[in-house]
Amino acid sequence: MLPKAAEPSPRPDPAALLAWYDRHRRDLPWRSPPGQQADPYRVWLSEIMLQQTTVATVAPYFDRFVARFPEIRALAAASLDEVLHLWQGLGYYARARNLNACARAVVERHGGRFPDDPAALRALPGIGDYTAAAIAAIAFDRPVAAVDGNVERVVARLFAVRDKLPAAKPRLKTLAATLVPERRAGDFAQALMELGAVLCTPRRPRCVLCPWRGDCLATALGIAEELPAQADKPERPLRHGVAFWLARADGAVLLRRRPERGLLGGMIELPSTDWREAPWTESEAIGAAPAATAWRALPGTVQHGFTHFRLEMTLLAGTTAESIAGIWATPGDFKDYALPTLTKKLIKSALSAAPKP
């Protein structure tokens, strides 16, 4: 029996992809005009914002950020509260904390200029392998492979890599590096991401329009939509918590700041119990309440999803005349604080049901 013939290795032409990109590139707020050097600050800011988030969601946040902090020294001089306030709603708040820390590090260590070396970039807070490569390539034209989810998908299909993610990541990164040209490396990095975003999409890829269609093994084999293969994800566990809506006679409500490290670090929230696997009884929750008062359960539950678990919370409402340390604010002033989406959901639920003080 003859051995199975090896599949040919594709040899896509970077010039074909660049020509396609020159004709079809999207006009994005962080992207420099054709032929102009990219601003490392805007490249970095957009790459941090785009982690786990869509272009459509990020665009208005990006515009607000650069209007408030037009260059890195302005961001380095800002307080964490200012940054978190502008960030609220984008999620993954560690990114905002690292954004602030990274800006200060660039000013203190590099005189306000981003280094162009991937290793030096990786030494900065919040910058990993992908972000370092993206900044080095896009902002400084360094011939390095910036491999995000879009690029992984393009490369997996181009080379018909059937290994499942995330185990396939090292191989896909190695293959991506073989594609990078010496010239126009920054445009090539953006072109590869663009190809994955607009044509080589997860569902119903528009292969007929792809400049590399003739070199794509997955297209030739008819398996493009099956790649990249994904390992089965375990079901996210459900956790439970109870939040406290504690009001004073003047209408102010008690808020608190979460610890800077950890989930939703540095954000402002309603006091609450820990989040745990077992539901809380009312008597258990009252034992963790911020004040001794007549607590009343409010109707309904608030559902929220995090990356690794789902959360279900209920609310207890009460009033107090005690002097309790914390942040006291009326609902009309909540907009002045950096509130995560979970807290906004809880506030909305409480305001619709809580008795007036």
Protein backbone atom coordinates (compact mmCIF):
# COMPACT_ATOMS: atom_id res chain seq x y z
CA MET A 1 0.00 0.00 0.00
CA LEU A 2 1.46 3.33 -1.02
CA PRO A 3 1.94 5.96 1.71
CA LYS A 4 -0.47 8.88 1.66
CA ALA A 5 1.00 11.82 -0.25
CA ALA A 6 1.86 14.80 1.89
CA GLU A 7 -0.26 17.89 1.34
CA PRO A 8 1.66 20.61 -0.52
CA SER A 9 2.89 23.52 1.54
CA PRO A 10 1.19 26.77 0.49
CA ARG A 11 3.34 29.66 -0.71
CA PRO A 12 1.11 32.72 -0.41
CA ASP A 13 2.47 35.96 -1.84
CA PRO A 14 2.60 38.79 0.75
CA ALA A 15 2.34 41.30 -2.10
CA ALA A 16 -1.10 39.94 -3.04
CA LEU A 17 -2.37 40.40 0.49
CA LEU A 18 -0.88 43.90 0.73
CA ALA A 19 -2.48 44.89 -2.58
CA TRP A 20 -5.84 43.67 -1.28
CA TYR A 21 -5.31 45.57 1.97
CA ASP A 22 -4.41 48.78 0.14
CA ARG A 23 -7.72 48.60 -1.73
CA HIS A 24 -10.04 47.40 1.03
CA ARG A 25 -8.59 48.45 4.42
CA ARG A 26 -11.15 49.79 6.86
CA ASP A 27 -10.87 53.34 8.16
CA LEU A 28 -10.43 52.76 11.90
CA PRO A 29 -9.81 55.57 14.43
CA TRP A 30 -6.45 54.15 15.60
CA ARG A 31 -5.14 53.41 12.11
CA SER A 32 -2.75 55.88 10.48
CA PRO A 33 -3.46 57.06 6.91
CA PRO A 34 -1.78 55.09 4.10
CA GLY A 35 1.92 55.86 3.84
CA GLN A 36 2.14 57.51 7.26
CA GLN A 37 4.03 56.16 10.28
CA ALA A 38 1.69 54.74 12.91
CA ASP A 39 1.58 56.40 16.33
CA PRO A 40 2.86 53.83 18.89
CA TYR A 41 0.60 55.30 21.59
CA ARG A 42 -2.54 54.82 19.51
CA VAL A 43 -1.43 51.35 18.39
CA TRP A 44 -0.82 50.28 21.98
CA LEU A 45 -4.06 51.80 23.27
CA SER A 46 -6.15 50.13 20.57
CA GLU A 47 -4.48 46.75 21.01
CA ILE A 48 -5.16 46.75 24.76
CA MET A 49 -8.78 47.80 24.21
CA LEU A 50 -9.38 45.22 21.48
CA GLN A 51 -8.43 42.27 23.69
CA GLN A 52 -11.60 40.18 24.12
CA THR A 53 -13.63 43.04 22.60
CA THR A 54 -15.00 43.89 19.15
CA VAL A 55 -13.97 46.79 16.92
CA ALA A 56 -17.53 48.20 17.00
CA THR A 57 -17.51 48.27 20.80
CA VAL A 58 -14.01 49.70 21.12
CA ALA A 59 -14.24 52.57 18.61
CA PRO A 60 -16.25 55.04 20.78
CA TYR A 61 -14.18 54.18 23.87
CA PHE A 62 -10.99 54.81 21.92
CA ASP A 63 -12.22 58.19 20.72
CA ARG A 64 -13.13 59.24 24.28
CA PHE A 65 -9.76 58.06 25.60
CA VAL A 66 -7.65 59.97 23.09
CA ALA A 67 -9.81 63.06 23.53
CA ARG A 68 -9.16 62.94 27.29
CA PHE A 69 -5.57 61.59 27.09
CA PRO A 70 -4.16 62.64 23.67
CA GLU A 71 -0.65 61.35 24.43
CA ILE A 72 1.03 59.02 26.86
CA ARG A 73 2.20 61.64 29.35
CA ALA A 74 -1.39 62.76 29.88
CA LEU A 75 -2.44 59.17 30.58
CA ALA A 76 0.55 58.63 32.90
CA ALA A 77 -0.47 61.72 34.91
CA ALA A 78 -4.08 60.52 35.30
CA SER A 79 -5.42 58.86 38.43
CA LEU A 80 -6.59 55.28 38.30
CA ASP A 81 -10.12 56.51 39.06
CA GLU A 82 -10.09 58.67 35.93
CA VAL A 83 -8.97 55.76 33.79
CA LEU A 84 -11.45 53.30 35.30
CA HIS A 85 -14.28 55.81 34.88
CA LEU A 86 -13.62 56.09 31.14
CA TRP A 87 -13.16 52.33 30.90
CA GLN A 88 -16.40 51.29 32.62
CA GLY A 89 -18.44 49.00 30.41
CA LEU A 90 -15.45 47.57 28.48
CA GLY A 91 -14.87 44.79 31.00
CA TYR A 92 -11.67 42.92 31.87
CA TYR A 93 -10.69 45.80 34.15
CA ALA A 94 -7.15 44.56 34.74
CA ARG A 95 -6.49 46.00 31.29
CA ALA A 96 -7.37 49.48 32.51
CA ARG A 97 -5.16 49.16 35.58
CA ASN A 98 -2.28 47.97 33.42
CA LEU A 99 -2.93 50.77 30.94
CA ASN A 100 -2.34 53.33 33.67
CA ALA A 101 0.71 51.47 35.01
CA CYS A 102 2.20 50.98 31.55
CA ALA A 103 1.86 54.66 30.66
CA ARG A 104 3.78 55.59 33.80
CA ALA A 105 6.43 52.97 33.07
CA VAL A 106 6.97 54.28 29.53
CA VAL A 107 7.39 57.81 30.87
CA GLU A 108 9.68 56.79 33.75
CA ARG A 109 11.80 54.16 31.96
CA HIS A 110 11.76 55.34 28.34
CA GLY A 111 11.25 59.09 28.47
CA GLY A 112 7.69 58.88 27.16
CA ARG A 113 8.59 56.89 24.02
CA PHE A 114 7.64 53.27 23.45
CA PRO A 115 10.65 51.02 22.75
CA ASP A 116 10.64 49.32 19.36
CA ASP A 117 12.06 46.02 20.57
CA PRO A 118 9.51 43.25 21.36
CA ALA A 119 11.50 42.10 24.42
CA ALA A 120 11.57 45.63 25.87
CA LEU A 121 7.85 46.01 25.15
CA ARG A 122 7.07 42.72 26.94
CA ALA A 123 8.77 44.09 30.06
CA LEU A 124 6.07 46.77 30.35
CA PRO A 125 2.92 46.20 32.48
CA GLY A 126 0.07 44.54 30.62
CA ILE A 127 1.99 43.83 27.41
CA GLY A 128 2.27 40.18 26.44
CA ASP A 129 3.76 38.42 23.43
CA TYR A 130 0.99 39.33 21.00
CA THR A 131 0.70 43.00 22.00
CA ALA A 132 4.49 43.44 21.94
CA ALA A 133 4.65 41.96 18.45
CA ALA A 134 1.73 44.09 17.24
CA ILE A 135 3.29 47.33 18.49
CA ALA A 136 6.73 46.42 17.12
CA ALA A 137 5.30 45.52 13.71
CA ILE A 138 2.59 48.16 13.23
CA ALA A 139 4.29 51.13 14.90
CA PHE A 140 7.92 50.37 14.04
CA ASP A 141 7.74 48.09 10.98
CA ARG A 142 9.67 45.32 12.72
CA PRO A 143 9.30 42.01 10.74
CA VAL A 144 7.65 40.01 13.52
CA ALA A 145 4.43 37.97 13.52
CA ALA A 146 1.57 39.42 15.56
CA VAL A 147 -0.77 36.46 16.06
CA ASP A 148 -4.24 37.20 17.40
CA GLY A 149 -7.40 35.13 16.99
CA ASN A 150 -8.02 36.41 13.46
CA VAL A 151 -4.48 35.52 12.38
CA GLU A 152 -4.70 32.07 14.01
CA ARG A 153 -7.82 31.37 11.97
CA VAL A 154 -6.25 32.52 8.69
CA VAL A 155 -3.08 30.49 9.27
CA ALA A 156 -4.96 27.38 10.42
CA ARG A 157 -6.98 27.43 7.20
CA LEU A 158 -4.10 28.40 4.94
CA PHE A 159 -1.99 25.43 6.12
CA ALA A 160 -4.96 23.16 6.98
CA VAL A 161 -3.81 22.76 10.58
CA ARG A 162 -6.21 20.31 12.18
CA ASP A 163 -4.70 20.41 15.69
CA LYS A 164 -7.14 21.83 18.21
CA LEU A 165 -6.76 25.17 19.92
CA PRO A 166 -5.26 26.10 22.31
CA ALA A 167 -2.67 23.31 21.81
CA ALA A 168 -2.16 24.42 18.19
CA LYS A 169 -1.09 27.96 19.14
CA PRO A 170 2.72 27.41 19.04
CA ARG A 171 2.54 25.77 15.60
CA LEU A 172 0.31 28.51 14.21
CA LYS A 173 2.68 31.17 15.54
CA THR A 174 5.65 29.46 13.86
CA LEU A 175 3.78 29.22 10.56
CA ALA A 176 2.67 32.85 10.77
CA ALA A 177 6.29 33.94 11.18
CA THR A 178 7.14 32.33 7.83
CA LEU A 179 4.71 34.67 6.08
CA VAL A 180 6.06 38.03 7.32
CA PRO A 181 7.86 40.06 4.61
CA GLU A 182 10.90 42.22 5.31
CA ARG A 183 9.23 45.31 3.84
CA ARG A 184 5.90 46.80 4.98
CA ALA A 185 5.78 44.47 7.98
CA GLY A 186 3.39 46.80 9.79
CA ASP A 187 0.93 46.94 6.92
CA PHE A 188 1.25 43.17 6.52
CA ALA A 189 0.41 42.60 10.20
CA GLN A 190 -2.72 44.72 9.84
CA ALA A 191 -3.60 43.12 6.50
CA LEU A 192 -3.49 39.63 8.01
CA MET A 193 -5.72 40.72 10.90
CA GLU A 194 -8.04 42.47 8.44
CA LEU A 195 -8.29 39.35 6.28
CA GLY A 196 -9.45 37.35 9.30
CA ALA A 197 -11.86 40.05 10.41
CA VAL A 198 -13.68 40.71 7.14
CA LEU A 199 -13.21 37.69 4.82
CA CYS A 200 -11.77 34.68 6.68
CA THR A 201 -14.50 34.88 9.31
CA PRO A 202 -15.41 32.09 11.76
CA ARG A 203 -18.67 31.34 9.96
CA ARG A 204 -19.29 31.49 6.21
CA PRO A 205 -15.84 32.72 5.15
CA ARG A 206 -15.94 34.69 1.90
CA CYS A 207 -13.29 32.57 0.23
CA VAL A 208 -14.19 33.68 -3.29
CA LEU A 209 -12.93 37.20 -2.47
CA CYS A 210 -9.73 36.12 -0.68
CA PRO A 211 -6.43 37.17 -2.29
CA TRP A 212 -4.88 33.92 -1.04
CA ARG A 213 -7.67 31.61 -2.14
CA GLY A 214 -5.46 29.71 -4.59
CA ASP A 215 -2.92 28.97 -1.83
CA CYS A 216 -5.35 27.93 0.92
CA LEU A 217 -5.26 24.21 1.69
CA ALA A 218 -8.48 24.32 3.74
CA THR A 219 -10.35 25.85 0.79
CA ALA A 220 -8.95 23.22 -1.54
CA LEU A 221 -10.02 20.46 0.86
CA GLY A 222 -13.43 22.03 1.52
CA ILE A 223 -12.87 22.27 5.26
CA ALA A 224 -12.35 26.01 5.77
CA GLU A 225 -15.34 26.46 8.07
CA GLU A 226 -14.20 23.56 10.26
CA LEU A 227 -10.90 25.26 11.12
CA PRO A 228 -9.42 26.14 13.48
CA ALA A 229 -10.63 23.21 15.54
CA GLN A 230 -11.46 24.05 19.13
CA ALA A 231 -11.04 21.90 22.22
CA ASP A 232 -14.27 21.38 24.14
CA LYS A 233 -14.78 24.07 26.77
CA PRO A 234 -15.99 23.03 30.21
CA GLU A 235 -19.27 24.52 31.34
CA ARG A 236 -18.77 27.63 33.46
CA PRO A 237 -19.72 27.05 37.11
CA LEU A 238 -22.45 29.11 38.76
CA ARG A 239 -21.67 31.22 41.83
CA HIS A 240 -24.00 33.07 44.16
CA GLY A 241 -23.81 36.31 46.11
CA VAL A 242 -25.94 38.89 47.92
CA ALA A 243 -25.54 42.65 47.51
CA PHE A 244 -26.62 45.25 50.06
CA TRP A 245 -28.53 48.44 49.22
CA LEU A 246 -27.97 50.49 52.39
CA ALA A 247 -29.52 53.98 52.29
CA ARG A 248 -29.42 56.99 54.62
CA ALA A 249 -32.22 59.44 55.28
CA ASP A 250 -30.70 61.90 52.80
CA GLY A 251 -30.96 59.33 50.00
CA ALA A 252 -27.26 58.50 49.84
CA VAL A 253 -26.36 54.84 49.33
CA LEU A 254 -23.27 53.04 50.62
CA LEU A 255 -20.69 52.06 48.02
CA ARG A 256 -17.22 50.57 48.41
CA ARG A 257 -14.07 50.17 46.35
CA ARG A 258 -12.92 46.69 45.40
CA PRO A 259 -9.27 45.75 46.09
CA GLU A 260 -6.99 46.87 43.25
CA ARG A 261 -5.79 43.33 42.59
CA GLY A 262 -8.22 40.72 41.38
CA LEU A 263 -11.52 40.68 39.52
CA LEU A 264 -12.99 44.17 38.90
CA GLY A 265 -10.00 45.56 40.78
CA GLY A 266 -10.27 49.19 41.85
CA MET A 267 -13.90 49.53 40.70
CA ILE A 268 -16.73 50.88 42.84
CA GLU A 269 -19.52 48.50 43.87
CA LEU A 270 -22.33 47.89 46.31
CA PRO A 271 -21.17 46.02 49.43
CA SER A 272 -21.79 42.30 49.02
CA THR A 273 -21.10 38.87 50.40
CA ASP A 274 -18.39 36.69 48.90
CA TRP A 275 -19.34 34.86 45.69
CA ARG A 276 -19.53 31.13 46.29
CA GLU A 277 -20.93 27.91 44.83
CA ALA A 278 -23.72 27.43 47.39
CA PRO A 279 -26.64 29.90 47.48
CA TRP A 280 -26.77 32.18 50.54
CA THR A 281 -29.58 31.97 53.04
CA GLU A 282 -30.91 35.33 54.17
CA SER A 283 -29.60 34.84 57.70
CA GLU A 284 -26.13 33.94 56.38
CA ALA A 285 -26.07 37.03 54.18
CA ILE A 286 -27.18 39.33 57.00
CA GLY A 287 -24.19 38.10 58.96
CA ALA A 288 -21.97 39.65 56.26
CA ALA A 289 -23.99 42.88 55.97
CA PRO A 290 -22.31 46.29 56.38
CA ALA A 291 -24.75 47.39 59.11
CA ALA A 292 -27.16 46.02 61.69
CA THR A 293 -30.61 47.03 60.47
CA ALA A 294 -33.92 45.55 59.33
CA TRP A 295 -32.92 44.05 55.99
CA ARG A 296 -35.58 43.35 53.38
CA ALA A 297 -35.13 41.02 50.42
CA LEU A 298 -35.81 42.70 47.09
CA PRO A 299 -37.57 40.72 44.35
CA GLY A 300 -35.74 39.10 41.48
CA THR A 301 -32.15 38.12 40.78
CA VAL A 302 -29.34 39.70 38.78
CA GLN A 303 -27.43 37.49 36.34
CA HIS A 304 -23.93 38.29 35.09
CA GLY A 305 -21.29 36.36 33.19
CA PHE A 306 -17.54 36.43 33.71
CA THR A 307 -14.95 34.59 31.63
CA HIS A 308 -14.64 31.59 33.96
CA PHE A 309 -17.94 31.55 35.84
CA ARG A 310 -21.53 32.77 35.90
CA LEU A 311 -22.85 34.83 38.80
CA GLU A 312 -26.33 35.09 40.26
CA MET A 313 -26.97 37.78 42.87
CA THR A 314 -29.90 38.83 45.03
CA LEU A 315 -30.36 42.11 46.90
CA LEU A 316 -31.12 43.06 50.47
CA ALA A 317 -32.24 46.63 51.20
CA GLY A 318 -32.11 48.53 54.46
CA THR A 319 -31.71 51.99 55.98
CA THR A 320 -29.34 53.33 58.60
CA ALA A 321 -28.63 56.41 60.67
CA GLU A 322 -25.21 55.14 61.72
CA SER A 323 -21.94 56.71 60.62
CA ILE A 324 -20.46 53.96 58.46
CA ALA A 325 -17.15 54.30 56.66
CA GLY A 326 -17.33 54.04 52.90
CA ILE A 327 -18.41 55.98 49.86
CA TRP A 328 -21.83 57.57 50.25
CA ALA A 329 -23.44 58.81 47.06
CA THR A 330 -26.96 59.53 45.86
CA PRO A 331 -28.12 57.62 42.78
CA GLY A 332 -27.94 60.86 40.82
CA ASP A 333 -24.20 60.99 41.51
CA PHE A 334 -23.43 57.35 40.63
CA LYS A 335 -22.36 58.49 37.16
CA ASP A 336 -19.29 60.11 38.73
CA TYR A 337 -17.90 56.74 39.82
CA ALA A 338 -16.25 53.88 37.95
CA LEU A 339 -18.99 51.26 38.14
CA PRO A 340 -18.66 47.87 36.45
CA THR A 341 -21.58 46.50 34.47
CA LEU A 342 -22.49 44.09 37.27
CA THR A 343 -22.92 46.99 39.72
CA LYS A 344 -25.00 48.93 37.21
CA LYS A 345 -27.31 45.91 36.87
CA LEU A 346 -27.66 45.68 40.65
CA ILE A 347 -28.36 49.41 40.95
CA LYS A 348 -31.02 49.23 38.26
CA SER A 349 -32.67 46.31 40.02
CA ALA A 350 -32.53 48.02 43.42
CA LEU A 351 -33.91 51.35 42.15
CA SER A 352 -36.86 49.57 40.60
CA ALA A 353 -37.77 47.81 43.85
CA ALA A 354 -36.12 49.39 46.90
CA PRO A 355 -38.31 51.33 49.33
CA LYS A 356 -37.63 55.05 49.55
CA PRO A 357 -35.68 56.06 52.67
